Protein backbone atom coordinates (compact mmCIF):
# COMPACT_ATOMS: atom_id res chain seq x y z
CA MET A 1 -51.01 -118.37 229.35
CA LYS A 2 -49.15 -117.20 232.47
CA ILE A 3 -50.00 -113.79 233.98
CA LYS A 4 -48.26 -112.80 237.22
CA GLU A 5 -50.00 -109.50 237.98
CA HIS A 6 -53.40 -109.29 239.64
CA PHE A 7 -56.07 -106.93 238.37
CA ASP A 8 -59.81 -106.37 238.55
CA THR A 9 -61.60 -108.69 236.12
CA SER A 10 -65.14 -107.55 236.97
CA ILE A 11 -67.31 -106.27 234.13
CA MET A 12 -69.18 -102.98 234.36
CA THR A 13 -72.96 -103.12 233.79
CA LEU A 14 -75.60 -100.48 233.08
CA GLY A 15 -78.05 -101.92 235.59
CA SER A 16 -79.98 -104.99 236.61
CA THR A 17 -81.30 -107.35 233.95
CA LYS A 18 -85.08 -107.71 234.16
CA ILE A 19 -86.19 -108.71 230.66
CA ALA A 20 -86.43 -112.39 229.77
CA SER A 21 -84.18 -113.22 226.84
CA PRO A 22 -86.20 -113.63 223.65
CA ILE A 23 -83.78 -116.23 222.32
CA LYS A 24 -85.87 -119.16 223.51
CA GLY A 25 -88.94 -117.90 221.69
CA VAL A 26 -87.31 -116.93 218.40
CA ARG A 27 -87.00 -120.44 217.01
CA LYS A 28 -88.35 -123.77 218.21
CA GLN A 29 -84.88 -125.33 218.11
CA ASP A 30 -83.64 -122.70 220.60
CA GLU A 31 -85.95 -123.87 223.39
CA GLY A 32 -83.24 -126.00 224.99
CA ARG A 33 -80.50 -123.36 224.72
CA ARG A 34 -78.09 -123.20 227.64
CA PHE A 35 -77.69 -119.76 229.11
CA VAL A 36 -74.48 -118.62 230.77
CA SER A 37 -74.34 -117.33 234.34
CA ASP A 38 -72.30 -114.25 235.31
CA ASN A 39 -70.66 -116.46 237.94
CA GLU A 40 -69.02 -118.74 235.37
CA ARG A 41 -65.32 -118.02 235.08
CA ILE A 42 -62.41 -119.06 232.85
CA LEU A 43 -59.00 -119.28 234.55
CA ILE A 44 -56.30 -117.13 232.98
CA ASN A 45 -53.43 -119.13 234.48
CA ILE A 46 -54.29 -122.77 233.81
CA ASP A 47 -50.92 -124.01 235.05
CA GLU A 48 -51.52 -126.08 238.20
CA ASN A 49 -48.53 -124.55 240.00
CA GLU A 50 -49.86 -121.03 239.42
CA VAL A 51 -53.28 -122.01 240.77
CA MET A 52 -51.65 -123.56 243.85
CA LYS A 53 -49.59 -120.41 244.43
CA ALA A 54 -52.74 -118.29 244.31
CA ALA A 55 -54.46 -120.61 246.79
CA LYS A 56 -51.52 -120.48 249.23
CA SER A 57 -51.44 -116.69 249.09
CA GLN A 58 -55.20 -116.67 249.77
CA LYS A 59 -55.79 -114.79 246.55
CA LYS A 60 -58.46 -115.84 244.13
CA PRO A 61 -56.97 -117.24 240.91
CA LEU A 62 -57.22 -114.77 238.06
CA ALA A 63 -60.32 -115.61 236.04
CA LEU A 64 -62.43 -113.91 233.38
CA GLU A 65 -66.19 -113.89 232.96
CA ARG A 66 -67.41 -116.48 230.46
CA ALA A 67 -69.11 -115.09 227.35
CA GLY A 68 -72.46 -116.27 226.06
CA PRO A 69 -76.20 -115.52 226.13
CA ARG A 70 -77.76 -114.54 229.44
CA ASN A 71 -81.20 -115.67 230.66
CA LYS A 72 -82.16 -112.05 231.45
CA ILE A 73 -81.24 -109.02 229.36
CA PHE A 74 -81.06 -105.28 230.01
CA PHE A 75 -82.29 -103.71 226.77
CA ASP A 76 -85.76 -104.07 225.26
CA PRO A 77 -84.91 -105.28 221.72
CA SER A 78 -88.02 -103.68 220.22
CA LYS A 79 -86.83 -100.21 221.33
CA LEU A 80 -83.07 -100.65 220.94
CA ARG A 81 -80.96 -98.91 218.33
CA CYS A 82 -77.42 -100.23 217.75
CA ALA A 83 -74.40 -98.81 215.95
CA ILE A 84 -71.24 -100.48 214.60
CA VAL A 85 -67.97 -98.71 213.78
CA SER A 86 -64.63 -100.01 212.46
CA CYS A 87 -61.39 -98.04 212.83
CA GLY A 88 -57.68 -98.30 212.04
CA GLY A 89 -55.95 -100.48 209.47
CA LEU A 90 -57.56 -103.25 207.47
CA CYS A 91 -57.58 -106.83 208.70
CA PRO A 92 -59.16 -110.01 207.33
CA GLY A 93 -62.51 -110.65 209.02
CA ILE A 94 -63.87 -107.18 209.77
CA ASN A 95 -66.84 -107.76 207.46
CA ASP A 96 -67.41 -111.14 209.14
CA ILE A 97 -67.66 -109.40 212.52
CA VAL A 98 -70.14 -106.85 211.18
CA ARG A 99 -72.22 -109.60 209.58
CA ALA A 100 -72.28 -111.74 212.75
CA ILE A 101 -73.36 -108.77 214.89
CA VAL A 102 -76.18 -107.77 212.54
CA LEU A 103 -77.53 -111.28 212.03
CA THR A 104 -77.42 -112.08 215.76
CA LEU A 105 -79.17 -108.85 216.69
CA HIS A 106 -81.84 -109.34 214.05
CA HIS A 107 -82.54 -113.07 214.10
CA ASN A 108 -81.82 -113.94 217.73
CA TYR A 109 -83.02 -110.82 219.51
CA GLY A 110 -85.39 -109.19 217.07
CA VAL A 111 -83.45 -105.90 216.88
CA SER A 112 -84.24 -104.20 213.56
CA ASN A 113 -82.64 -100.78 214.02
CA ILE A 114 -78.92 -101.17 213.33
CA CYS A 115 -76.76 -98.49 211.73
CA GLY A 116 -73.22 -98.57 210.40
CA ILE A 117 -70.94 -95.60 211.11
CA ARG A 118 -68.91 -94.65 208.04
CA TYR A 119 -65.14 -94.14 208.12
CA GLY A 120 -64.38 -94.79 211.76
CA PHE A 121 -64.96 -92.28 214.54
CA GLU A 122 -65.12 -89.56 211.85
CA GLY A 123 -68.62 -90.81 211.12
CA PHE A 124 -69.88 -89.42 214.42
CA ILE A 125 -68.63 -85.91 213.65
CA SER A 126 -71.18 -83.99 211.55
CA SER A 127 -68.60 -81.74 209.86
CA TYR A 128 -67.23 -84.71 207.89
CA GLY A 129 -70.63 -85.30 206.30
CA HIS A 130 -70.47 -89.11 206.30
CA GLU A 131 -73.88 -90.74 205.93
CA LEU A 132 -74.99 -93.71 208.00
CA ILE A 133 -75.55 -97.18 206.58
CA ASP A 134 -78.75 -99.08 207.35
CA LEU A 135 -77.43 -102.52 208.28
CA THR A 136 -80.04 -105.14 207.42
CA PRO A 137 -79.64 -108.91 207.02
CA GLY A 138 -79.92 -108.43 203.27
CA PHE A 139 -77.18 -105.81 203.22
CA VAL A 140 -74.70 -107.96 205.16
CA SER A 141 -75.60 -111.35 203.69
CA ALA A 142 -72.52 -111.64 201.45
CA ILE A 143 -70.08 -109.05 202.82
CA HIS A 144 -67.93 -111.74 204.45
CA GLU A 145 -66.86 -112.82 200.97
CA SER A 146 -64.95 -109.56 200.51
CA GLY A 147 -61.89 -108.16 202.26
CA GLY A 148 -61.59 -104.71 203.77
CA THR A 149 -64.51 -103.20 205.65
CA VAL A 150 -67.91 -102.34 204.21
CA LEU A 151 -68.17 -99.54 206.78
CA GLY A 152 -64.95 -97.85 205.74
CA THR A 153 -62.29 -96.86 208.26
CA SER A 154 -60.03 -94.03 209.35
CA ARG A 155 -57.25 -93.33 211.80
CA GLY A 156 -56.82 -90.64 214.39
CA PRO A 157 -58.66 -89.39 217.47
CA GLN A 158 -61.91 -87.45 217.41
CA ASP A 159 -63.49 -85.35 220.13
CA ILE A 160 -64.99 -87.80 222.64
CA GLU A 161 -67.66 -85.39 223.90
CA SER A 162 -68.85 -84.87 220.32
CA ILE A 163 -69.02 -88.62 219.74
CA VAL A 164 -71.19 -89.09 222.84
CA ASP A 165 -73.32 -86.13 221.72
CA ALA A 166 -73.87 -87.95 218.43
CA LEU A 167 -74.79 -91.19 220.20
CA GLU A 168 -77.39 -89.29 222.22
CA ARG A 169 -78.83 -87.56 219.15
CA MET A 170 -79.02 -90.87 217.29
CA ASN A 171 -80.65 -92.55 220.31
CA VAL A 172 -78.06 -95.34 220.21
CA GLY A 173 -78.20 -97.72 223.16
CA LEU A 174 -75.50 -100.17 222.12
CA LEU A 175 -72.24 -99.33 220.32
CA PHE A 176 -69.88 -101.96 218.89
CA THR A 177 -66.32 -100.81 218.17
CA ILE A 178 -63.97 -102.87 215.98
CA GLY A 179 -60.35 -101.77 216.10
CA GLY A 180 -56.90 -101.89 217.62
CA ASP A 181 -55.20 -100.20 220.59
CA GLY A 182 -56.21 -96.67 219.61
CA THR A 183 -59.80 -97.67 218.93
CA MET A 184 -60.12 -99.50 222.24
CA ALA A 185 -58.59 -96.52 224.08
CA GLY A 186 -61.14 -94.28 222.35
CA ALA A 187 -63.97 -96.68 223.19
CA SER A 188 -62.89 -96.67 226.84
CA GLN A 189 -62.99 -92.87 226.89
CA ILE A 190 -66.42 -92.90 225.25
CA ALA A 191 -67.66 -95.28 227.97
CA LYS A 192 -66.23 -92.98 230.67
CA VAL A 193 -68.07 -89.93 229.30
CA ILE A 194 -71.25 -91.98 228.97
CA SER A 195 -70.93 -93.03 232.61
CA LYS A 196 -70.23 -89.44 233.70
CA ARG A 197 -73.40 -88.29 231.93
CA LYS A 198 -75.31 -91.19 233.51
CA LEU A 199 -76.47 -92.42 230.10
CA LYS A 200 -77.67 -95.97 229.44
CA ILE A 201 -75.40 -96.72 226.48
CA SER A 202 -73.33 -99.89 226.29
CA VAL A 203 -69.88 -99.92 224.61
CA ILE A 204 -68.54 -103.31 223.50
CA GLY A 205 -65.15 -103.71 221.83
CA ILE A 206 -64.06 -106.39 219.38
CA PRO A 207 -60.24 -106.01 219.36
CA LYS A 208 -58.54 -106.10 215.97
CA THR A 209 -54.86 -106.64 215.32
CA ILE A 210 -53.42 -108.77 212.59
CA ASP A 211 -50.19 -109.11 214.63
CA ASN A 212 -51.97 -111.24 217.29
CA ASP A 213 -50.42 -109.14 220.07
CA ILE A 214 -53.50 -108.40 222.22
CA TYR A 215 -52.74 -108.95 225.90
CA LEU A 216 -54.72 -111.79 227.54
CA ILE A 217 -56.14 -113.03 224.21
CA ASP A 218 -55.04 -116.33 222.63
CA ARG A 219 -55.70 -115.46 219.01
CA SER A 220 -57.11 -112.34 217.38
CA PHE A 221 -59.22 -112.53 214.25
CA GLY A 222 -57.34 -112.12 210.97
CA PHE A 223 -54.15 -113.72 212.29
CA ASP A 224 -54.87 -117.15 210.85
CA SER A 225 -55.67 -115.63 207.44
CA ALA A 226 -52.46 -113.58 207.58
CA VAL A 227 -50.38 -116.69 208.23
CA ASP A 228 -52.05 -118.43 205.27
CA ILE A 229 -51.02 -115.67 202.84
CA ALA A 230 -47.58 -115.38 204.45
CA VAL A 231 -46.97 -119.09 203.84
CA ASP A 232 -47.86 -118.72 200.15
CA THR A 233 -45.45 -115.77 199.93
CA ILE A 234 -42.63 -117.72 201.59
CA ARG A 235 -43.26 -120.61 199.21
CA SER A 236 -42.78 -118.21 196.28
CA ALA A 237 -39.60 -116.83 197.83
CA HIS A 238 -38.28 -120.37 198.28
CA ASN A 239 -39.06 -121.22 194.66
CA GLU A 240 -37.17 -118.13 193.55
CA ALA A 241 -34.21 -118.99 195.80
CA ILE A 242 -33.78 -122.61 194.64
CA SER A 243 -34.08 -121.58 190.99
CA ALA A 244 -30.81 -119.67 191.05
CA SER A 245 -27.25 -120.39 192.10
CA HIS A 246 -26.72 -118.61 195.42
CA GLY A 247 -30.37 -117.58 195.42
CA ILE A 248 -31.82 -115.74 198.40
CA GLY A 249 -35.50 -115.23 199.10
CA LEU A 250 -36.17 -112.38 201.55
CA VAL A 251 -39.70 -111.83 202.88
CA LYS A 252 -40.84 -109.02 205.17
CA LEU A 253 -44.00 -109.76 207.16
CA MET A 254 -46.13 -107.70 209.50
CA GLY A 255 -45.26 -107.61 213.19
CA ARG A 256 -44.36 -104.21 214.56
CA HIS A 257 -43.65 -105.31 218.11
CA SER A 258 -44.53 -109.02 218.11
CA GLY A 259 -43.29 -111.68 215.72
CA PHE A 260 -46.19 -114.12 215.84
CA ILE A 261 -46.93 -114.03 212.09
CA ALA A 262 -43.29 -114.57 211.14
CA ALA A 263 -42.86 -117.37 213.70
CA ALA A 264 -46.10 -119.17 212.79
CA ALA A 265 -45.47 -118.89 209.05
CA THR A 266 -41.95 -120.26 209.55
CA LEU A 267 -43.30 -123.29 211.39
CA ALA A 268 -45.88 -123.83 208.66
CA MET A 269 -43.26 -123.43 205.91
CA PRO A 270 -40.07 -125.07 207.24
CA GLU A 271 -38.06 -124.08 204.17
CA VAL A 272 -37.25 -120.87 206.08
CA ASN A 273 -33.62 -120.75 207.23
CA PHE A 274 -33.60 -117.50 209.23
CA CYS A 275 -36.56 -116.01 211.12
CA LEU A 276 -36.05 -112.50 212.53
CA ILE A 277 -38.55 -111.07 215.02
CA PRO A 278 -38.65 -107.95 217.25
CA GLU A 279 -38.35 -109.98 220.46
CA SER A 280 -35.05 -111.64 219.49
CA ASP A 281 -32.04 -109.39 219.05
CA PHE A 282 -29.55 -110.30 216.33
CA ASP A 283 -26.22 -109.06 214.96
CA LEU A 284 -25.63 -108.35 211.30
CA GLU A 285 -21.84 -108.70 211.17
CA GLY A 286 -19.28 -110.90 212.94
CA PRO A 287 -18.74 -114.69 212.97
CA ASN A 288 -22.19 -115.40 214.39
CA GLY A 289 -23.94 -112.50 212.67
CA LEU A 290 -26.65 -112.94 210.04
CA LEU A 291 -24.47 -112.08 207.03
CA GLU A 292 -21.76 -114.62 207.81
CA LEU A 293 -24.30 -117.36 208.53
CA VAL A 294 -26.18 -116.65 205.30
CA LYS A 295 -22.84 -116.97 203.49
CA GLU A 296 -22.21 -120.37 205.14
CA ARG A 297 -25.70 -121.47 204.12
CA LEU A 298 -25.20 -120.41 200.48
CA LEU A 299 -21.82 -122.11 200.19
CA SER A 300 -23.19 -125.37 201.58
CA ARG A 301 -26.74 -125.46 200.14
CA GLN A 302 -26.72 -122.88 197.31
CA HIS A 303 -29.87 -121.07 198.53
CA ALA A 304 -31.38 -119.41 201.61
CA VAL A 305 -34.76 -118.07 202.73
CA ILE A 306 -35.00 -115.24 205.26
CA VAL A 307 -38.22 -114.07 206.95
CA ALA A 308 -38.20 -110.78 208.87
CA ALA A 309 -41.00 -109.22 210.90
CA GLU A 310 -41.26 -105.49 210.22
CA GLY A 311 -40.22 -104.56 213.77
CA ALA A 312 -37.06 -106.68 213.79
CA GLY A 313 -33.60 -105.10 213.80
CA GLN A 314 -34.65 -101.55 214.56
CA LYS A 315 -31.39 -101.07 216.50
CA PHE A 316 -29.57 -100.78 213.17
CA PHE A 317 -31.15 -97.41 212.47
CA LYS A 318 -29.49 -94.39 214.06
CA GLU A 319 -32.44 -92.03 213.75
CA LYS A 320 -34.95 -92.09 216.59
CA PRO A 321 -38.37 -93.45 215.65
CA LYS A 322 -40.83 -90.74 214.70
CA ARG A 323 -44.60 -90.76 214.99
CA SER A 324 -46.18 -90.59 211.58
CA ASP A 325 -49.75 -91.77 211.19
CA ALA A 326 -52.89 -90.11 212.53
CA SER A 327 -53.20 -92.71 215.28
CA GLY A 328 -49.77 -91.82 216.67
CA ASN A 329 -48.19 -95.16 215.71
CA ILE A 330 -44.40 -95.06 215.58
CA SER A 331 -43.06 -95.09 212.05
CA LEU A 332 -40.61 -97.98 211.93
CA GLU A 333 -37.63 -98.01 209.60
CA ASP A 334 -37.88 -100.53 206.75
CA ILE A 335 -35.92 -103.57 207.90
CA GLY A 336 -36.71 -105.39 204.64
CA LEU A 337 -35.03 -102.87 202.37
CA PHE A 338 -32.20 -102.47 204.87
CA LEU A 339 -31.50 -106.22 204.82
CA LYS A 340 -31.75 -106.31 201.05
CA GLU A 341 -29.15 -103.56 200.65
CA SER A 342 -26.90 -104.96 203.41
CA ILE A 343 -26.90 -108.49 201.97
CA ASN A 344 -26.21 -107.29 198.43
CA SER A 345 -23.34 -105.04 199.62
CA TYR A 346 -21.81 -107.77 201.77
CA PHE A 347 -21.70 -110.39 199.01
CA GLN A 348 -20.44 -107.84 196.50
CA GLU A 349 -17.52 -107.16 198.85
CA GLN A 350 -17.00 -110.93 199.19
CA ASN A 351 -16.95 -111.19 195.39
CA ILE A 352 -19.75 -113.76 195.54
CA ARG A 353 -22.50 -113.40 192.98
CA ILE A 354 -25.99 -113.81 194.44
CA THR A 355 -29.56 -113.48 193.18
CA LEU A 356 -31.77 -111.88 195.85
CA LYS A 357 -35.56 -111.60 195.52
CA TYR A 358 -37.32 -109.35 198.03
CA ILE A 359 -41.06 -109.63 198.69
CA ASP A 360 -43.24 -107.45 200.94
CA PRO A 361 -46.86 -108.74 200.89
CA SER A 362 -48.15 -106.54 203.74
CA TYR A 363 -51.02 -104.79 201.93
CA THR A 364 -52.01 -107.99 200.16
CA ILE A 365 -52.25 -109.79 203.50
CA ARG A 366 -54.29 -107.23 205.39
CA SER A 367 -56.83 -106.63 202.63
CA VAL A 368 -57.84 -110.22 201.78
CA SER A 369 -61.06 -111.87 202.92
CA ALA A 370 -60.87 -114.15 205.95
CA ASN A 371 -60.10 -117.85 205.66
CA ALA A 372 -62.33 -120.61 207.08
CA ASN A 373 -60.80 -120.54 210.58
CA ASP A 374 -61.24 -116.78 210.84
CA HIS A 375 -64.80 -117.01 209.48
CA VAL A 376 -65.58 -119.28 212.44
CA LEU A 377 -63.75 -117.14 215.01
CA CYS A 378 -65.39 -113.91 213.78
CA GLY A 379 -68.81 -115.52 214.07
CA PHE A 380 -68.09 -116.46 217.68
CA LEU A 381 -66.78 -112.99 218.51
CA GLY A 382 -69.67 -111.15 216.85
CA ARG A 383 -72.30 -113.25 218.57
CA SER A 384 -70.55 -112.99 221.95
CA ALA A 385 -70.36 -109.20 221.59
CA VAL A 386 -74.12 -109.03 221.00
CA HIS A 387 -74.94 -111.29 223.97
CA ALA A 388 -72.77 -109.12 226.22
CA GLY A 389 -74.06 -105.77 225.01
CA ILE A 390 -77.75 -106.59 225.06
CA SER A 391 -77.43 -107.85 228.63
CA GLY A 392 -76.19 -104.39 229.66
CA LYS A 393 -72.48 -105.06 229.97
CA THR A 394 -70.21 -102.23 228.92
CA LYS A 395 -66.61 -101.01 228.71
CA MET A 396 -65.40 -104.50 227.85
CA LEU A 397 -63.89 -106.62 225.07
CA VAL A 398 -64.72 -110.08 223.82
CA GLY A 399 -61.94 -112.53 223.02
CA LEU A 400 -60.48 -116.02 223.33
CA CYS A 401 -58.64 -116.94 226.52
CA ASN A 402 -57.49 -120.52 226.96
CA ASN A 403 -59.68 -121.42 224.00
CA GLN A 404 -62.81 -120.07 225.70
CA LEU A 405 -64.79 -116.94 224.81
CA VAL A 406 -64.57 -114.41 227.63
CA HIS A 407 -65.38 -110.85 228.69
CA ILE A 408 -62.33 -108.66 229.39
CA PRO A 409 -62.42 -105.18 230.99
CA MET A 410 -60.98 -102.61 228.59
CA GLU A 411 -58.55 -101.41 231.27
CA ALA A 412 -57.03 -104.89 231.58
CA THR A 413 -55.48 -104.78 228.09
CA ALA A 414 -54.82 -101.04 227.81
CA GLY A 415 -51.19 -100.17 227.13
CA LYS A 416 -50.07 -103.82 227.22
CA ARG A 417 -48.90 -106.14 224.49
CA LYS A 418 -48.49 -109.89 224.06
CA GLN A 419 -45.11 -110.94 222.63
CA VAL A 420 -43.36 -114.13 221.59
CA ASN A 421 -41.81 -115.79 224.63
CA LEU A 422 -38.26 -116.71 223.63
CA SER A 423 -38.37 -119.66 226.06
CA SER A 424 -41.68 -120.96 224.70
CA ASP A 425 -42.20 -124.16 222.75
CA MET A 426 -43.16 -122.00 219.77
CA TRP A 427 -39.84 -120.15 219.54
CA MET A 428 -37.80 -123.25 220.41
CA SER A 429 -39.56 -125.00 217.53
CA VAL A 430 -38.67 -122.12 215.20
CA LEU A 431 -34.99 -122.47 216.12
CA GLU A 432 -35.14 -126.24 215.65
CA THR A 433 -36.96 -125.96 212.32
CA THR A 434 -34.69 -123.31 210.81
CA GLY A 435 -31.48 -124.54 212.40
CA GLN A 436 -30.53 -120.93 213.09
CA THR A 437 -28.51 -119.95 216.14
CA THR A 438 -29.26 -116.92 218.29
CA LEU A 439 -27.44 -114.82 215.65
CA LYS A 440 -25.44 -113.04 218.38
CA ASN A 441 -21.64 -112.72 218.63
């Protein structure tokens, strides 16, 4: 990971930690547990040249606080009440996160008062009438086997002052928020109001995006599961394509602004011939445009497989994007249906008979249960979130950076997005695997 800008990586705390962590005394096998110091850091830029540049400029290399259990904690577990809320769209692994948080609080710290907020931030607003869920080890024991979220979810902003009022009424000391950009922005505002009121409430975010586009974070939970299902879908599209003369399999995958799912699935399923992502512009017509190259492929090999991320090719739509959902997300035009119609029309004009099968597995992907890799990652994230929150840290996220669990200030990722680097080994490998050109005239 290479980040050129410098920013404050310090983590806000509610106060000094004076209580000895109970982890050592919970189980005999925990007696030799290694605690993490606040001084331990993980470099963001691990490239030696970047580190040398920072040293020459007399700036400290950018580094994030290492996650993990602390020797001293802020909250008294016997008096602490925690709350967990999930917001936004579905993503494999949300239930895993909830389960990991509850089990870590209960078994490692002895916290028994944990409530689940129903249907996102709506659950804090009394007028909606959503009841709380009592989150016990028994309740969460098997929820990781199911997709979706046991807490329910919703989109859209709610009044921040009213949310903090609810936290005060409920006597919540530690709030865990699971969600995407909008959720993290809301959580940051909640933390600001809490700070303004001088309340001792910690806010810890576990960022959620199936597109894997969170700035500073290597891999977000749910991404690996999404690629798994995407590969199965591409395999089906390939089977359809090779079963017909001039067969075309067209698959639309998630990726509004970043094409990581499409790129990773293409590398895992090298039968893909054309991979279209938002970061890489392409032409539809002309000698080097997609349509002409698909024609060349069909005439030489009799079949073709095309994978398109949902945010690819938005330049082909004349209407300006409009905001549609309650979270204010831009409503993208459907590139999948557009390509389907354009390809069919083009080959009809060419008097070439084709058989095109179009597959959009988006809702199937986002609603499945997590795979083994995401089970593991969610466990790490949930436990790290608990260790951070109970030690009094606040207004921060947990995530993977350079394959290490770290604490990230919420402001550091706000309004930023990770995208596929078109000069990276990943994208170069996609071009080599598919054999596609830049698709530009």
